[in-house]
C-alpha atoms as a PDB file:
ATOM      1  CA  UNK A   1     -25.075  31.124  41.170  1.00  0.00           C
ATOM      2  CA  UNK A   2     -26.441  30.880  37.632  1.00  0.00           C
ATOM      3  CA  UNK A   3     -23.064  29.701  36.326  1.00  0.00           C
ATOM      4  CA  UNK A   4     -23.167  26.813  38.806  1.00  0.00           C
ATOM      5  CA  UNK A   5     -26.514  25.534  37.491  1.00  0.00           C
ATOM      6  CA  UNK A   6     -25.350  25.927  33.894  1.00  0.00           C
ATOM      7  CA  UNK A   7     -22.173  23.985  34.698  1.00  0.00           C
ATOM      8  CA  UNK A   8     -24.148  21.155  36.329  1.00  0.00           C
ATOM      9  CA  UNK A   9     -26.531  21.016  33.356  1.00  0.00           C
ATOM     10  CA  UNK A  10     -23.612  20.971  30.930  1.00  0.00           C
ATOM     11  CA  UNK A  11     -21.914  18.047  32.668  1.00  0.00           C
ATOM     12  CA  UNK A  12     -25.183  16.122  32.930  1.00  0.00           C
ATOM     13  CA  UNK A  13     -25.656  16.540  29.177  1.00  0.00           C
ATOM     14  CA  UNK A  14     -22.077  15.416  28.554  1.00  0.00           C
ATOM     15  CA  UNK A  15     -22.630  12.239  30.581  1.00  0.00           C
ATOM     16  CA  UNK A  16     -25.914  11.554  28.777  1.00  0.00           C
ATOM     17  CA  UNK A  17     -24.253  12.020  25.373  1.00  0.00           C
ATOM     18  CA  UNK A  18     -21.358   9.739  26.287  1.00  0.00           C
ATOM     19  CA  UNK A  19     -23.834   7.006  27.241  1.00  0.00           C
ATOM     20  CA  UNK A  20     -25.371   7.200  23.739  1.00  0.00           C
ATOM     21  CA  UNK A  21     -21.991   7.047  22.020  1.00  0.00           C
ATOM     22  CA  UNK A  22     -20.991   3.815  20.307  1.00  0.00           C
ATOM     23  CA  UNK A  23     -17.283   3.236  20.727  1.00  0.00           C
ATOM     24  CA  UNK A  24     -15.299   1.249  18.136  1.00  0.00           C
ATOM     25  CA  UNK A  25     -14.127  -2.251  18.922  1.00  0.00           C
ATOM     26  CA  UNK A  26     -10.454  -2.892  19.682  1.00  0.00           C
ATOM     27  CA  UNK A  27      -9.868  -4.588  16.314  1.00  0.00           C
ATOM     28  CA  UNK A  28     -11.231  -1.542  14.458  1.00  0.00           C
ATOM     29  CA  UNK A  29      -9.006   0.809  16.448  1.00  0.00           C
ATOM     30  CA  UNK A  30      -5.947  -1.356  15.814  1.00  0.00           C
ATOM     31  CA  UNK A  31      -6.743  -1.619  12.102  1.00  0.00           C
ATOM     32  CA  UNK A  32      -7.254   2.095  11.544  1.00  0.00           C
ATOM     33  CA  UNK A  33      -4.163   2.918  13.612  1.00  0.00           C
ATOM     34  CA  UNK A  34      -2.114   0.564  11.433  1.00  0.00           C
ATOM     35  CA  UNK A  35      -3.429   2.243   8.285  1.00  0.00           C
ATOM     36  CA  UNK A  36      -2.555   5.680   9.654  1.00  0.00           C
ATOM     37  CA  UNK A  37       0.988   4.628  10.610  1.00  0.00           C
ATOM     38  CA  UNK A  38       1.616   3.034   7.196  1.00  0.00           C
ATOM     39  CA  UNK A  39       0.253   6.113   5.399  1.00  0.00           C
ATOM     40  CA  UNK A  40       2.461   8.332   7.559  1.00  0.00           C
ATOM     41  CA  UNK A  41       5.581   6.394   6.538  1.00  0.00           C
ATOM     42  CA  UNK A  42       4.596   6.474   2.853  1.00  0.00           C
ATOM     43  CA  UNK A  43       4.091  10.244   2.947  1.00  0.00           C
ATOM     44  CA  UNK A  44       7.326  10.720   4.906  1.00  0.00           C
ATOM     45  CA  UNK A  45       9.315   8.751   2.318  1.00  0.00           C
ATOM     46  CA  UNK A  46       7.636  10.659  -0.524  1.00  0.00           C
ATOM     47  CA  UNK A  47       8.302  14.049   1.054  1.00  0.00           C
ATOM     48  CA  UNK A  48      11.900  13.071   1.799  1.00  0.00           C
ATOM     49  CA  UNK A  49      12.419  12.068  -1.846  1.00  0.00           C
ATOM     50  CA  UNK A  50      10.882  15.293  -3.152  1.00  0.00           C
ATOM     51  CA  UNK A  51      12.901  17.416  -0.713  1.00  0.00           C
ATOM     52  CA  UNK A  52      16.118  15.592  -1.552  1.00  0.00           C
ATOM     53  CA  UNK A  53      15.498  15.889  -5.298  1.00  0.00           C
ATOM     54  CA  UNK A  54      14.662  19.570  -5.118  1.00  0.00           C
ATOM     55  CA  UNK A  55      17.755  20.133  -2.979  1.00  0.00           C
ATOM     56  CA  UNK A  56      19.948  18.546  -5.647  1.00  0.00           C
ATOM     57  CA  UNK A  57      18.280  20.619  -8.373  1.00  0.00           C
ATOM     58  CA  UNK A  58      18.749  23.777  -6.315  1.00  0.00           C
ATOM     59  CA  UNK A  59      22.450  23.068  -5.781  1.00  0.00           C
ATOM     60  CA  UNK A  60      22.935  22.402  -9.486  1.00  0.00           C
ATOM     61  CA  UNK A  61      21.096  25.594 -10.407  1.00  0.00           C
ATOM     62  CA  UNK A  62      23.236  27.638  -8.006  1.00  0.00           C
ATOM     63  CA  UNK A  63      26.412  26.039  -9.397  1.00  0.00           C
ATOM     64  CA  UNK A  64      25.251  26.569 -13.000  1.00  0.00           C
ATOM     65  CA  UNK A  65      24.490  30.290 -12.609  1.00  0.00           C
ATOM     66  CA  UNK A  66      27.676  31.205 -10.712  1.00  0.00           C
END
């Protein structure tokens, strides 16, 4: 039954650690989430442009060397 005692100790330590944790306020969570979403769209547009441009260059290179 050693695993049982270790499990109980583990969960007690988890609860104690969660009580010491400082959680961010709602405004901070909303602000950082907004920044992440905006950054995601910027990177998506950038990667789309690079992929599209490289695709055009690839097609031209294939057509040129045929």
